[in-house]
Amino acid sequence: MKDLLKSDKLIKFAFISGIVAIALIFLSDFGKSTETAVTDEQALEQRITEMLTAMDGIDEVPNVTVRLDEDKHTVLGITVVCPQAISNRTAERAINAVRTALDVSASKICITT
């Protein structure tokens, strides 16, 4: 009888330990995906900033914000704030450059001053 009781406790302990281990694995992966998404957004922001700064008509460094979906493969939106006024033609060229570079529709891109 004592051996059976020990066996039941052992089974319960193993079951609870397994659930805790699975929960810890899930939580550790969750934190990494959020950090990776932020890093991916920052990398895209840097690339777009460098690309736009190299364009004629954009003399000052723009502030670029990129938002990615949780899957990190879908761009939700891009905002480009230029510190100085830019012409409509330059804004159109900037939208086309970002649209082509990231393969997104122009409706997801906002360029403002």
PDB file of N, CA and C in Angstrom:
ATOM      1  N   MET A   1       0.816  -1.187   0.000  1.00  0.00           N
ATOM      2  CA  MET A   1       0.000   0.000   0.000  1.00  0.00           C
ATOM      3  C   MET A   1       0.866   1.261   0.000  1.00  0.00           C
ATOM      4  N   LYS A   2       1.940   1.243   0.781  1.00  0.00           N
ATOM      5  CA  LYS A   2       2.832   2.384   0.851  1.00  0.00           C
ATOM      6  C   LYS A   2       3.514   2.626  -0.501  1.00  0.00           C
ATOM      7  N   ASP A   3       3.884   1.553  -1.185  1.00  0.00           N
ATOM      8  CA  ASP A   3       4.518   1.683  -2.494  1.00  0.00           C
ATOM      9  C   ASP A   3       3.558   2.296  -3.512  1.00  0.00           C
ATOM     10  N   LEU A   4       2.288   1.911  -3.437  1.00  0.00           N
ATOM     11  CA  LEU A   4       1.285   2.460  -4.340  1.00  0.00           C
ATOM     12  C   LEU A   4       1.105   3.950  -4.093  1.00  0.00           C
ATOM     13  N   LEU A   5       1.091   4.363  -2.825  1.00  0.00           N
ATOM     14  CA  LEU A   5       0.945   5.766  -2.467  1.00  0.00           C
ATOM     15  C   LEU A   5       2.135   6.575  -2.982  1.00  0.00           C
ATOM     16  N   LYS A   6       3.329   6.026  -2.824  1.00  0.00           N
ATOM     17  CA  LYS A   6       4.521   6.698  -3.328  1.00  0.00           C
ATOM     18  C   LYS A   6       4.459   6.806  -4.850  1.00  0.00           C
ATOM     19  N   SER A   7       3.964   5.766  -5.487  1.00  0.00           N
ATOM     20  CA  SER A   7       3.859   5.753  -6.937  1.00  0.00           C
ATOM     21  C   SER A   7       2.887   6.835  -7.415  1.00  0.00           C
ATOM     22  N   ASP A   8       1.747   6.994  -6.743  1.00  0.00           N
ATOM     23  CA  ASP A   8       0.778   8.029  -7.104  1.00  0.00           C
ATOM     24  C   ASP A   8       1.369   9.423  -6.923  1.00  0.00           C
ATOM     25  N   LYS A   9       2.095   9.625  -5.840  1.00  0.00           N
ATOM     26  CA  LYS A   9       2.725  10.928  -5.610  1.00  0.00           C
ATOM     27  C   LYS A   9       3.776  11.206  -6.685  1.00  0.00           C
ATOM     28  N   LEU A  10       4.501  10.169  -7.041  1.00  0.00           N
ATOM     29  CA  LEU A  10       5.526  10.319  -8.064  1.00  0.00           C
ATOM     30  C   LEU A  10       4.903  10.684  -9.411  1.00  0.00           C
ATOM     31  N   ILE A  11       3.792  10.039  -9.738  1.00  0.00           N
ATOM     32  CA  ILE A  11       3.107  10.327 -11.000  1.00  0.00           C
ATOM     33  C   ILE A  11       2.576  11.755 -11.002  1.00  0.00           C
ATOM     34  N   LYS A  12       1.978  12.187  -9.890  1.00  0.00           N
ATOM     35  CA  LYS A  12       1.473  13.557  -9.790  1.00  0.00           C
ATOM     36  C   LYS A  12       2.617  14.565  -9.912  1.00  0.00           C
ATOM     37  N   PHE A  13       3.717  14.276  -9.245  1.00  0.00           N
ATOM     38  CA  PHE A  13       4.871  15.171  -9.297  1.00  0.00           C
ATOM     39  C   PHE A  13       5.412  15.278 -10.724  1.00  0.00           C
ATOM     40  N   ALA A  14       5.510  14.144 -11.407  1.00  0.00           N
ATOM     41  CA  ALA A  14       6.014  14.135 -12.782  1.00  0.00           C
ATOM     42  C   ALA A  14       5.069  14.901 -13.711  1.00  0.00           C
ATOM     43  N   PHE A  15       3.767  14.738 -13.507  1.00  0.00           N
ATOM     44  CA  PHE A  15       2.772  15.424 -14.325  1.00  0.00           C
ATOM     45  C   PHE A  15       2.862  16.937 -14.137  1.00  0.00           C
ATOM     46  N   ILE A  16       2.916  17.378 -12.895  1.00  0.00           N
ATOM     47  CA  ILE A  16       2.997  18.811 -12.598  1.00  0.00           C
ATOM     48  C   ILE A  16       4.315  19.388 -13.116  1.00  0.00           C
ATOM     49  N   SER A  17       5.398  18.644 -12.950  1.00  0.00           N
ATOM     50  CA  SER A  17       6.699  19.103 -13.452  1.00  0.00           C
ATOM     51  C   SER A  17       6.672  19.267 -14.970  1.00  0.00           C
ATOM     52  N   GLY A  18       6.013  18.354 -15.653  1.00  0.00           N
ATOM     53  CA  GLY A  18       5.898  18.443 -17.107  1.00  0.00           C
ATOM     54  C   GLY A  18       5.121  19.672 -17.542  1.00  0.00           C
ATOM     55  N   ILE A  19       4.022  19.959 -16.857  1.00  0.00           N
ATOM     56  CA  ILE A  19       3.217  21.138 -17.188  1.00  0.00           C
ATOM     57  C   ILE A  19       4.017  22.416 -16.954  1.00  0.00           C
ATOM     58  N   VAL A  20       4.738  22.476 -15.842  1.00  0.00           N
ATOM     59  CA  VAL A  20       5.560  23.650 -15.543  1.00  0.00           C
ATOM     60  C   VAL A  20       6.645  23.823 -16.606  1.00  0.00           C
ATOM     61  N   ALA A  21       7.276  22.740 -17.021  1.00  0.00           N
ATOM     62  CA  ALA A  21       8.323  22.814 -18.043  1.00  0.00           C
ATOM     63  C   ALA A  21       7.765  23.330 -19.367  1.00  0.00           C
ATOM     64  N   ILE A  22       6.598  22.840 -19.761  1.00  0.00           N
ATOM     65  CA  ILE A  22       5.967  23.296 -21.002  1.00  0.00           C
ATOM     66  C   ILE A  22       5.626  24.779 -20.911  1.00  0.00           C
ATOM     67  N   ALA A  23       5.104  25.205 -19.766  1.00  0.00           N
ATOM     68  CA  ALA A  23       4.768  26.618 -19.580  1.00  0.00           C
ATOM     69  C   ALA A  23       6.010  27.498 -19.674  1.00  0.00           C
ATOM     70  N   LEU A  24       7.102  27.065 -19.083  1.00  0.00           N
ATOM     71  CA  LEU A  24       8.341  27.846 -19.138  1.00  0.00           C
ATOM     72  C   LEU A  24       8.883  27.941 -20.561  1.00  0.00           C
ATOM     73  N   ILE A  25       8.803  26.862 -21.304  1.00  0.00           N
ATOM     74  CA  ILE A  25       9.254  26.878 -22.700  1.00  0.00           C
ATOM     75  C   ILE A  25       8.403  27.848 -23.514  1.00  0.00           C
ATOM     76  N   PHE A  26       7.096  27.798 -23.318  1.00  0.00           N
ATOM     77  CA  PHE A  26       6.195  28.693 -24.039  1.00  0.00           C
ATOM     78  C   PHE A  26       6.491  30.150 -23.705  1.00  0.00           C
ATOM     79  N   LEU A  27       6.660  30.450 -22.443  1.00  0.00           N
ATOM     80  CA  LEU A  27       6.920  31.827 -22.025  1.00  0.00           C
ATOM     81  C   LEU A  27       8.266  32.332 -22.532  1.00  0.00           C
ATOM     82  N   SER A  28       9.277  31.496 -22.574  1.00  0.00           N
ATOM     83  CA  SER A  28      10.583  31.943 -23.060  1.00  0.00           C
ATOM     84  C   SER A  28      10.532  32.241 -24.552  1.00  0.00           C
ATOM     85  N   ASP A  29       9.799  31.470 -25.337  1.00  0.00           N
ATOM     86  CA  ASP A  29       9.652  31.732 -26.766  1.00  0.00           C
ATOM     87  C   ASP A  29       8.840  32.987 -27.014  1.00  0.00           C
ATOM     88  N   PHE A  30       7.843  33.256 -26.179  1.00  0.00           N
ATOM     89  CA  PHE A  30       6.986  34.424 -26.342  1.00  0.00           C
ATOM     90  C   PHE A  30       7.788  35.707 -26.213  1.00  0.00           C
ATOM     91  N   GLY A  31       8.650  35.784 -25.248  1.00  0.00           N
ATOM     92  CA  GLY A  31       9.468  36.976 -25.044  1.00  0.00           C
ATOM     93  C   GLY A  31      10.428  37.216 -26.184  1.00  0.00           C
ATOM     94  N   LYS A  32      10.994  36.167 -26.731  1.00  0.00           N
ATOM     95  CA  LYS A  32      11.953  36.296 -27.827  1.00  0.00           C
ATOM     96  C   LYS A  32      11.283  36.795 -29.095  1.00  0.00           C
ATOM     97  N   SER A  33      10.063  36.352 -29.374  1.00  0.00           N
ATOM     98  CA  SER A  33       9.403  36.783 -30.602  1.00  0.00           C
ATOM     99  C   SER A  33       9.092  38.269 -30.558  1.00  0.00           C
ATOM    100  N   THR A  34       8.752  38.789 -29.390  1.00  0.00           N
ATOM    101  CA  THR A  34       8.494  40.215 -29.258  1.00  0.00           C
ATOM    102  C   THR A  34       9.775  41.004 -29.483  1.00  0.00           C
ATOM    103  N   GLU A  35      10.878  40.540 -28.897  1.00  0.00           N
ATOM    104  CA  GLU A  35      12.160  41.218 -29.076  1.00  0.00           C
ATOM    105  C   GLU A  35      12.594  41.174 -30.532  1.00  0.00           C
ATOM    106  N   THR A  36      12.371  40.054 -31.192  1.00  0.00           N
ATOM    107  CA  THR A  36      12.753  39.919 -32.591  1.00  0.00           C
ATOM    108  C   THR A  36      11.936  40.857 -33.464  1.00  0.00           C
ATOM    109  N   ALA A  37      10.637  40.983 -33.176  1.00  0.00           N
ATOM    110  CA  ALA A  37       9.790  41.882 -33.961  1.00  0.00           C
ATOM    111  C   ALA A  37      10.278  43.317 -33.839  1.00  0.00           C
ATOM    112  N   VAL A  38      10.647  43.729 -32.635  1.00  0.00           N
ATOM    113  CA  VAL A  38      11.156  45.086 -32.434  1.00  0.00           C
ATOM    114  C   VAL A  38      12.459  45.269 -33.197  1.00  0.00           C
ATOM    115  N   THR A  39      13.338  44.294 -33.140  1.00  0.00           N
ATOM    116  CA  THR A  39      14.610  44.372 -33.850  1.00  0.00           C
ATOM    117  C   THR A  39      14.388  44.429 -35.361  1.00  0.00           C
ATOM    118  N   ASP A  40      13.463  43.639 -35.877  1.00  0.00           N
ATOM    119  CA  ASP A  40      13.155  43.653 -37.311  1.00  0.00           C
ATOM    120  C   ASP A  40      12.602  45.010 -37.730  1.00  0.00           C
ATOM    121  N   GLU A  41      11.721  45.582 -36.904  1.00  0.00           N
ATOM    122  CA  GLU A  41      11.171  46.903 -37.200  1.00  0.00           C
ATOM    123  C   GLU A  41      12.279  47.946 -37.240  1.00  0.00           C
ATOM    124  N   GLN A  42      13.176  47.898 -36.265  1.00  0.00           N
ATOM    125  CA  GLN A  42      14.267  48.874 -36.219  1.00  0.00           C
ATOM    126  C   GLN A  42      15.193  48.731 -37.423  1.00  0.00           C
ATOM    127  N   ALA A  43      15.461  47.512 -37.845  1.00  0.00           N
ATOM    128  CA  ALA A  43      16.320  47.292 -39.011  1.00  0.00           C
ATOM    129  C   ALA A  43      15.670  47.858 -40.273  1.00  0.00           C
ATOM    130  N   LEU A  44      14.370  47.632 -40.438  1.00  0.00           N
ATOM    131  CA  LEU A  44      13.664  48.181 -41.597  1.00  0.00           C
ATOM    132  C   LEU A  44      13.645  49.704 -41.550  1.00  0.00           C
ATOM    133  N   GLU A  45      13.406  50.260 -40.362  1.00  0.00           N
ATOM    134  CA  GLU A  45      13.398  51.713 -40.214  1.00  0.00           C
ATOM    135  C   GLU A  45      14.742  52.302 -40.631  1.00  0.00           C
ATOM    136  N   GLN A  46      15.819  51.668 -40.217  1.00  0.00           N
ATOM    137  CA  GLN A  46      17.157  52.150 -40.563  1.00  0.00           C
ATOM    138  C   GLN A  46      17.389  52.084 -42.075  1.00  0.00           C
ATOM    139  N   ARG A  47      17.000  50.979 -42.687  1.00  0.00           N
ATOM    140  CA  ARG A  47      17.184  50.825 -44.141  1.00  0.00           C
ATOM    141  C   ARG A  47      16.387  51.867 -44.918  1.00  0.00           C
ATOM    142  N   ILE A  48      15.144  52.098 -44.503  1.00  0.00           N
ATOM    143  CA  ILE A  48      14.306  53.079 -45.200  1.00  0.00           C
ATOM    144  C   ILE A  48      14.861  54.484 -44.998  1.00  0.00           C
ATOM    145  N   THR A  49      15.309  54.787 -43.779  1.00  0.00           N
ATOM    146  CA  THR A  49      15.894  56.101 -43.502  1.00  0.00           C
ATOM    147  C   THR A  49      17.098  56.350 -44.404  1.00  0.00           C
ATOM    148  N   GLU A  50      17.976  55.365 -44.512  1.00  0.00           N
ATOM    149  CA  GLU A  50      19.160  55.512 -45.371  1.00  0.00           C
ATOM    150  C   GLU A  50      18.766  55.689 -46.835  1.00  0.00           C
ATOM    151  N   MET A  51      17.769  54.934 -47.277  1.00  0.00           N
ATOM    152  CA  MET A  51      17.330  55.019 -48.665  1.00  0.00           C
ATOM    153  C   MET A  51      16.740  56.396 -48.958  1.00  0.00           C
ATOM    154  N   LEU A  52      15.869  56.885 -48.070  1.00  0.00           N
ATOM    155  CA  LEU A  52      15.219  58.171 -48.305  1.00  0.00           C
ATOM    156  C   LEU A  52      16.201  59.331 -48.203  1.00  0.00           C
ATOM    157  N   THR A  53      17.154  59.232 -47.295  1.00  0.00           N
ATOM    158  CA  THR A  53      18.148  60.295 -47.140  1.00  0.00           C
ATOM    159  C   THR A  53      18.997  60.431 -48.403  1.00  0.00           C
ATOM    160  N   ALA A  54      19.175  59.354 -49.122  1.00  0.00           N
ATOM    161  CA  ALA A  54      19.966  59.386 -50.357  1.00  0.00           C
ATOM    162  C   ALA A  54      19.199  59.983 -51.538  1.00  0.00           C
ATOM    163  N   MET A  55      17.888  60.164 -51.398  1.00  0.00           N
ATOM    164  CA  MET A  55      17.074  60.681 -52.499  1.00  0.00           C
ATOM    165  C   MET A  55      17.235  62.186 -52.648  1.00  0.00           C
ATOM    166  N   ASP A  56      17.139  62.670 -53.897  1.00  0.00           N
ATOM    167  CA  ASP A  56      17.115  64.113 -54.147  1.00  0.00           C
ATOM    168  C   ASP A  56      15.817  64.686 -53.592  1.00  0.00           C
ATOM    169  N   GLY A  57      15.902  65.845 -52.968  1.00  0.00           N
ATOM    170  CA  GLY A  57      14.714  66.508 -52.437  1.00  0.00           C
ATOM    171  C   GLY A  57      14.484  66.247 -50.964  1.00  0.00           C
ATOM    172  N   ILE A  58      15.168  65.276 -50.389  1.00  0.00           N
ATOM    173  CA  ILE A  58      15.077  65.020 -48.950  1.00  0.00           C
ATOM    174  C   ILE A  58      16.462  65.319 -48.381  1.00  0.00           C
ATOM    175  N   ASP A  59      16.578  66.521 -47.805  1.00  0.00           N
ATOM    176  CA  ASP A  59      17.887  66.995 -47.360  1.00  0.00           C
ATOM    177  C   ASP A  59      18.181  66.653 -45.910  1.00  0.00           C
ATOM    178  N   GLU A  60      17.146  66.503 -45.099  1.00  0.00           N
ATOM    179  CA  GLU A  60      17.344  66.182 -43.686  1.00  0.00           C
ATOM    180  C   GLU A  60      16.883  64.751 -43.424  1.00  0.00           C
ATOM    181  N   VAL A  61      17.410  64.168 -42.372  1.00  0.00           N
ATOM    182  CA  VAL A  61      17.104  62.769 -42.048  1.00  0.00           C
ATOM    183  C   VAL A  61      15.648  62.663 -41.589  1.00  0.00           C
ATOM    184  N   PRO A  62      14.843  61.855 -42.282  1.00  0.00           N
ATOM    185  CA  PRO A  62      13.444  61.685 -41.871  1.00  0.00           C
ATOM    186  C   PRO A  62      13.325  60.734 -40.678  1.00  0.00           C
ATOM    187  N   ASN A  63      12.223  60.857 -39.969  1.00  0.00           N
ATOM    188  CA  ASN A  63      11.908  59.945 -38.870  1.00  0.00           C
ATOM    189  C   ASN A  63      10.983  58.871 -39.443  1.00  0.00           C
ATOM    190  N   VAL A  64      11.436  57.632 -39.450  1.00  0.00           N
ATOM    191  CA  VAL A  64      10.690  56.530 -40.065  1.00  0.00           C
ATOM    192  C   VAL A  64      10.209  55.575 -38.983  1.00  0.00           C
ATOM    193  N   THR A  65       8.934  55.197 -39.061  1.00  0.00           N
ATOM    194  CA  THR A  65       8.360  54.209 -38.150  1.00  0.00           C
ATOM    195  C   THR A  65       7.749  53.084 -38.983  1.00  0.00           C
ATOM    196  N   VAL A  66       8.103  51.852 -38.642  1.00  0.00           N
ATOM    197  CA  VAL A  66       7.562  50.674 -39.332  1.00  0.00           C
ATOM    198  C   VAL A  66       6.856  49.813 -38.303  1.00  0.00           C
ATOM    199  N   ARG A  67       5.667  49.348 -38.630  1.00  0.00           N
ATOM    200  CA  ARG A  67       4.935  48.426 -37.761  1.00  0.00           C
ATOM    201  C   ARG A  67       4.734  47.111 -38.499  1.00  0.00           C
ATOM    202  N   LEU A  68       5.164  46.022 -37.842  1.00  0.00           N
ATOM    203  CA  LEU A  68       5.014  44.682 -38.408  1.00  0.00           C
ATOM    204  C   LEU A  68       3.945  43.914 -37.649  1.00  0.00           C
ATOM    205  N   ASP A  69       3.302  42.984 -38.336  1.00  0.00           N
ATOM    206  CA  ASP A  69       2.355  42.082 -37.698  1.00  0.00           C
ATOM    207  C   ASP A  69       3.137  41.120 -36.808  1.00  0.00           C
ATOM    208  N   GLU A  70       2.442  40.393 -35.964  1.00  0.00           N
ATOM    209  CA  GLU A  70       3.098  39.456 -35.051  1.00  0.00           C
ATOM    210  C   GLU A  70       3.916  38.404 -35.789  1.00  0.00           C
ATOM    211  N   ASP A  71       3.505  38.051 -37.002  1.00  0.00           N
ATOM    212  CA  ASP A  71       4.242  37.034 -37.757  1.00  0.00           C
ATOM    213  C   ASP A  71       5.533  37.583 -38.370  1.00  0.00           C
ATOM    214  N   LYS A  72       5.746  38.874 -38.261  1.00  0.00           N
ATOM    215  CA  LYS A  72       6.951  39.568 -38.725  1.00  0.00           C
ATOM    216  C   LYS A  72       7.133  39.527 -40.236  1.00  0.00           C
ATOM    217  N   HIS A  73       6.150  39.034 -40.965  1.00  0.00           N
ATOM    218  CA  HIS A  73       6.255  38.961 -42.414  1.00  0.00           C
ATOM    219  C   HIS A  73       5.294  39.930 -43.094  1.00  0.00           C
ATOM    220  N   THR A  74       4.423  40.562 -42.314  1.00  0.00           N
ATOM    221  CA  THR A  74       3.430  41.460 -42.872  1.00  0.00           C
ATOM    222  C   THR A  74       3.650  42.865 -42.329  1.00  0.00           C
ATOM    223  N   VAL A  75       3.833  43.816 -43.232  1.00  0.00           N
ATOM    224  CA  VAL A  75       3.984  45.214 -42.834  1.00  0.00           C
ATOM    225  C   VAL A  75       2.592  45.798 -42.642  1.00  0.00           C
ATOM    226  N   LEU A  76       2.327  46.306 -41.435  1.00  0.00           N
ATOM    227  CA  LEU A  76       1.034  46.917 -41.152  1.00  0.00           C
ATOM    228  C   LEU A  76       0.989  48.369 -41.603  1.00  0.00           C
ATOM    229  N   GLY A  77       2.109  49.064 -41.474  1.00  0.00           N
ATOM    230  CA  GLY A  77       2.133  50.460 -41.880  1.00  0.00           C
ATOM    231  C   GLY A  77       3.513  51.071 -41.750  1.00  0.00           C
ATOM    232  N   ILE A  78       3.724  52.141 -42.509  1.00  0.00           N
ATOM    233  CA  ILE A  78       4.993  52.866 -42.491  1.00  0.00           C
ATOM    234  C   ILE A  78       4.670  54.347 -42.446  1.00  0.00           C
ATOM    235  N   THR A  79       5.296  55.052 -41.518  1.00  0.00           N
ATOM    236  CA  THR A  79       5.144  56.497 -41.422  1.00  0.00           C
ATOM    237  C   THR A  79       6.508  57.138 -41.605  1.00  0.00           C
ATOM    238  N   VAL A  80       6.566  58.134 -42.471  1.00  0.00           N
ATOM    239  CA  VAL A  80       7.802  58.880 -42.707  1.00  0.00           C
ATOM    240  C   VAL A  80       7.509  60.344 -42.416  1.00  0.00           C
ATOM    241  N   VAL A  81       8.212  60.901 -41.438  1.00  0.00           N
ATOM    242  CA  VAL A  81       8.056  62.311 -41.096  1.00  0.00           C
ATOM    243  C   VAL A  81       9.331  63.030 -41.521  1.00  0.00           C
ATOM    244  N   CYS A  82       9.176  63.922 -42.499  1.00  0.00           N
ATOM    245  CA  CYS A  82      10.323  64.697 -42.988  1.00  0.00           C
ATOM    246  C   CYS A  82      10.371  66.020 -42.226  1.00  0.00           C
ATOM    247  N   PRO A  83      11.538  66.395 -41.682  1.00  0.00           N
ATOM    248  CA  PRO A  83      11.630  67.624 -40.896  1.00  0.00           C
ATOM    249  C   PRO A  83      11.406  68.895 -41.720  1.00  0.00           C
ATOM    250  N   GLN A  84      11.692  68.842 -43.021  1.00  0.00           N
ATOM    251  CA  GLN A  84      11.485  70.015 -43.864  1.00  0.00           C
ATOM    252  C   GLN A  84      10.387  69.708 -44.872  1.00  0.00           C
ATOM    253  N   ALA A  85       9.834  70.759 -45.449  1.00  0.00           N
ATOM    254  CA  ALA A  85       8.790  70.576 -46.455  1.00  0.00           C
ATOM    255  C   ALA A  85       9.401  69.928 -47.700  1.00  0.00           C
ATOM    256  N   ILE A  86       8.660  69.002 -48.286  1.00  0.00           N
ATOM    257  CA  ILE A  86       9.105  68.365 -49.525  1.00  0.00           C
ATOM    258  C   ILE A  86       8.019  68.553 -50.574  1.00  0.00           C
ATOM    259  N   SER A  87       8.414  68.519 -51.826  1.00  0.00           N
ATOM    260  CA  SER A  87       7.450  68.700 -52.910  1.00  0.00           C
ATOM    261  C   SER A  87       6.577  67.455 -53.043  1.00  0.00           C
ATOM    262  N   ASN A  88       5.455  67.636 -53.708  1.00  0.00           N
ATOM    263  CA  ASN A  88       4.567  66.495 -53.949  1.00  0.00           C
ATOM    264  C   ASN A  88       5.269  65.428 -54.782  1.00  0.00           C
ATOM    265  N   ARG A  89       6.091  65.862 -55.721  1.00  0.00           N
ATOM    266  CA  ARG A  89       6.828  64.913 -56.571  1.00  0.00           C
ATOM    267  C   ARG A  89       7.807  64.088 -55.739  1.00  0.00           C
ATOM    268  N   THR A  90       8.504  64.748 -54.799  1.00  0.00           N
ATOM    269  CA  THR A  90       9.441  64.032 -53.930  1.00  0.00           C
ATOM    270  C   THR A  90       8.689  63.058 -53.034  1.00  0.00           C
ATOM    271  N   ALA A  91       7.535  63.481 -52.513  1.00  0.00           N
ATOM    272  CA  ALA A  91       6.729  62.591 -51.670  1.00  0.00           C
ATOM    273  C   ALA A  91       6.272  61.376 -52.467  1.00  0.00           C
ATOM    274  N   GLU A  92       5.874  61.597 -53.712  1.00  0.00           N
ATOM    275  CA  GLU A  92       5.444  60.484 -54.567  1.00  0.00           C
ATOM    276  C   GLU A  92       6.603  59.527 -54.839  1.00  0.00           C
ATOM    277  N   ARG A  93       7.782  60.077 -55.105  1.00  0.00           N
ATOM    278  CA  ARG A  93       8.958  59.235 -55.337  1.00  0.00           C
ATOM    279  C   ARG A  93       9.319  58.453 -54.076  1.00  0.00           C
ATOM    280  N   ALA A  94       9.181  59.085 -52.916  1.00  0.00           N
ATOM    281  CA  ALA A  94       9.482  58.401 -51.652  1.00  0.00           C
ATOM    282  C   ALA A  94       8.497  57.259 -51.413  1.00  0.00           C
ATOM    283  N   ILE A  95       7.227  57.503 -51.670  1.00  0.00           N
ATOM    284  CA  ILE A  95       6.217  56.445 -51.509  1.00  0.00           C
ATOM    285  C   ILE A  95       6.532  55.284 -52.446  1.00  0.00           C
ATOM    286  N   ASN A  96       6.856  55.588 -53.690  1.00  0.00           N
ATOM    287  CA  ASN A  96       7.179  54.528 -54.649  1.00  0.00           C
ATOM    288  C   ASN A  96       8.419  53.747 -54.233  1.00  0.00           C
ATOM    289  N   ALA A  97       9.411  54.438 -53.691  1.00  0.00           N
ATOM    290  CA  ALA A  97      10.631  53.756 -53.253  1.00  0.00           C
ATOM    291  C   ALA A  97      10.341  52.812 -52.088  1.00  0.00           C
ATOM    292  N   VAL A  98       9.590  53.288 -51.102  1.00  0.00           N
ATOM    293  CA  VAL A  98       9.257  52.452 -49.939  1.00  0.00           C
ATOM    294  C   VAL A  98       8.361  51.296 -50.370  1.00  0.00           C
ATOM    295  N   ARG A  99       7.395  51.596 -51.229  1.00  0.00           N
ATOM    296  CA  ARG A  99       6.469  50.564 -51.714  1.00  0.00           C
ATOM    297  C   ARG A  99       7.226  49.450 -52.424  1.00  0.00           C
ATOM    298  N   THR A 100       8.174  49.828 -53.253  1.00  0.00           N
ATOM    299  CA  THR A 100       8.957  48.839 -53.989  1.00  0.00           C
ATOM    300  C   THR A 100       9.905  48.071 -53.073  1.00  0.00           C
ATOM    301  N   ALA A 101      10.562  48.779 -52.166  1.00  0.00           N
ATOM    302  CA  ALA A 101      11.545  48.134 -51.284  1.00  0.00           C
ATOM    303  C   ALA A 101      10.909  47.103 -50.362  1.00  0.00           C
ATOM    304  N   LEU A 102       9.701  47.402 -49.866  1.00  0.00           N
ATOM    305  CA  LEU A 102       9.060  46.506 -48.903  1.00  0.00           C
ATOM    306  C   LEU A 102       7.914  45.700 -49.494  1.00  0.00           C
ATOM    307  N   ASP A 103       7.609  45.915 -50.771  1.00  0.00           N
ATOM    308  CA  ASP A 103       6.528  45.197 -51.441  1.00  0.00           C
ATOM    309  C   ASP A 103       5.210  45.350 -50.684  1.00  0.00           C
ATOM    310  N   VAL A 104       4.846  46.623 -50.422  1.00  0.00           N
ATOM    311  CA  VAL A 104       3.580  46.927 -49.749  1.00  0.00           C
ATOM    312  C   VAL A 104       2.786  47.897 -50.618  1.00  0.00           C
ATOM    313  N   SER A 105       1.495  47.992 -50.352  1.00  0.00           N
ATOM    314  CA  SER A 105       0.671  48.926 -51.110  1.00  0.00           C
ATOM    315  C   SER A 105       0.906  50.350 -50.609  1.00  0.00           C
ATOM    316  N   ALA A 106       0.667  51.300 -51.478  1.00  0.00           N
ATOM    317  CA  ALA A 106       0.869  52.711 -51.131  1.00  0.00           C
ATOM    318  C   ALA A 106      -0.071  53.150 -50.016  1.00  0.00           C
ATOM    319  N   SER A 107      -1.191  52.464 -49.850  1.00  0.00           N
ATOM    320  CA  SER A 107      -2.140  52.837 -48.797  1.00  0.00           C
ATOM    321  C   SER A 107      -1.592  52.575 -47.393  1.00  0.00           C
ATOM    322  N   LYS A 108      -0.526  51.796 -47.275  1.00  0.00           N
ATOM    323  CA  LYS A 108       0.084  51.516 -45.972  1.00  0.00           C
ATOM    324  C   LYS A 108       1.211  52.495 -45.645  1.00  0.00           C
ATOM    325  N   ILE A 109       1.456  53.464 -46.546  1.00  0.00           N
ATOM    326  CA  ILE A 109       2.571  54.389 -46.377  1.00  0.00           C
ATOM    327  C   ILE A 109       2.035  55.802 -46.198  1.00  0.00           C
ATOM    328  N   CYS A 110       2.516  56.483 -45.164  1.00  0.00           N
ATOM    329  CA  CYS A 110       2.142  57.872 -44.915  1.00  0.00           C
ATOM    330  C   CYS A 110       3.417  58.703 -44.867  1.00  0.00           C
ATOM    331  N   ILE A 111       3.473  59.735 -45.715  1.00  0.00           N
ATOM    332  CA  ILE A 111       4.616  60.644 -45.712  1.00  0.00           C
ATOM    333  C   ILE A 111       4.090  62.034 -45.395  1.00  0.00           C
ATOM    334  N   THR A 112       4.675  62.646 -44.378  1.00  0.00           N
ATOM    335  CA  THR A 112       4.219  63.958 -43.928  1.00  0.00           C
ATOM    336  C   THR A 112       5.409  64.797 -43.490  1.00  0.00           C
ATOM    337  N   THR A 113       5.152  66.075 -43.228  1.00  0.00           N
ATOM    338  CA  THR A 113       6.216  66.959 -42.737  1.00  0.00           C
ATOM    339  C   THR A 113       5.905  67.399 -41.329  1.00  0.00           C
TER     340      THR A 113
END
